[in-house]
Amino acid sequence: MAEALQDPELARRLREQGGEPAPMTQKQFKDFIATETAKYARIVESARIVAE
C-alpha cells in the first residue's frame, strides 16, 4: 500500500476525493485504525447516536 501511495496519479485521485495519502507500515495503520475507532466510539456514545 505504501508503494502504491507513492504513485502521483493515485495520490492526485485520492486528494480529489477528499483523501490524504499517508503511507505507513502495517503496524502504524493498525494503530491509526484503533485510535480512530476509539475516538469516534467516544463521540457516538457522548452524542447518544444510535442506528435507526
Protein backbone atom coordinates (compact mmCIF):
# COMPACT_ATOMS: atom_id res chain seq x y z
CA MET A 1 0.00 0.00 0.00
CA ALA A 2 2.78 2.44 0.88
CA GLU A 3 4.34 1.77 -2.50
CA ALA A 4 1.05 2.39 -4.31
CA LEU A 5 0.60 5.70 -2.49
CA GLN A 6 3.86 6.91 -3.99
CA ASP A 7 2.19 6.92 -7.43
CA PRO A 8 1.45 10.60 -8.21
CA GLU A 9 -1.71 9.72 -10.17
CA LEU A 10 -3.15 7.67 -7.32
CA ALA A 11 -2.25 10.41 -4.83
CA ARG A 12 -3.95 13.01 -7.04
CA ARG A 13 -7.12 10.91 -7.32
CA LEU A 14 -7.25 10.37 -3.56
CA ARG A 15 -6.93 14.11 -2.96
CA GLU A 16 -9.70 14.83 -5.45
CA GLN A 17 -11.98 12.63 -3.36
CA GLY A 18 -11.03 14.35 -0.11
CA GLY A 19 -8.44 11.82 0.97
CA GLU A 20 -4.89 12.44 2.05
CA PRO A 21 -2.26 9.89 1.06
CA ALA A 22 -0.41 8.82 4.20
CA PRO A 23 1.97 5.92 3.58
CA MET A 24 2.56 3.92 6.75
CA THR A 25 3.62 0.49 7.91
CA GLN A 26 1.10 -2.21 8.76
CA LYS A 27 1.62 -1.55 12.47
CA GLN A 28 1.17 2.20 12.01
CA PHE A 29 -2.02 1.58 10.05
CA LYS A 30 -3.32 -0.85 12.69
CA ASP A 31 -2.59 1.71 15.43
CA PHE A 32 -4.21 4.50 13.40
CA ILE A 33 -7.40 2.48 12.89
CA ALA A 34 -7.54 1.56 16.60
CA THR A 35 -7.10 5.20 17.62
CA GLU A 36 -9.71 6.47 15.17
CA THR A 37 -12.19 3.75 16.16
CA ALA A 38 -11.84 4.63 19.84
CA LYS A 39 -12.14 8.35 19.12
CA TYR A 40 -15.33 8.02 17.11
CA ALA A 41 -16.80 5.49 19.55
CA ARG A 42 -16.48 8.13 22.30
CA ILE A 43 -18.12 10.73 20.06
CA VAL A 44 -21.01 8.41 19.21
CA GLU A 45 -21.51 7.49 22.87
CA SER A 46 -21.38 11.05 24.17
CA ALA A 47 -23.78 12.27 21.50
CA ARG A 48 -26.01 9.24 22.15
CA ILE A 49 -26.14 8.41 18.46
CA VAL A 50 -27.99 5.20 17.66
CA ALA A 51 -28.60 3.36 14.40
CA GLU A 52 -32.12 3.55 13.12
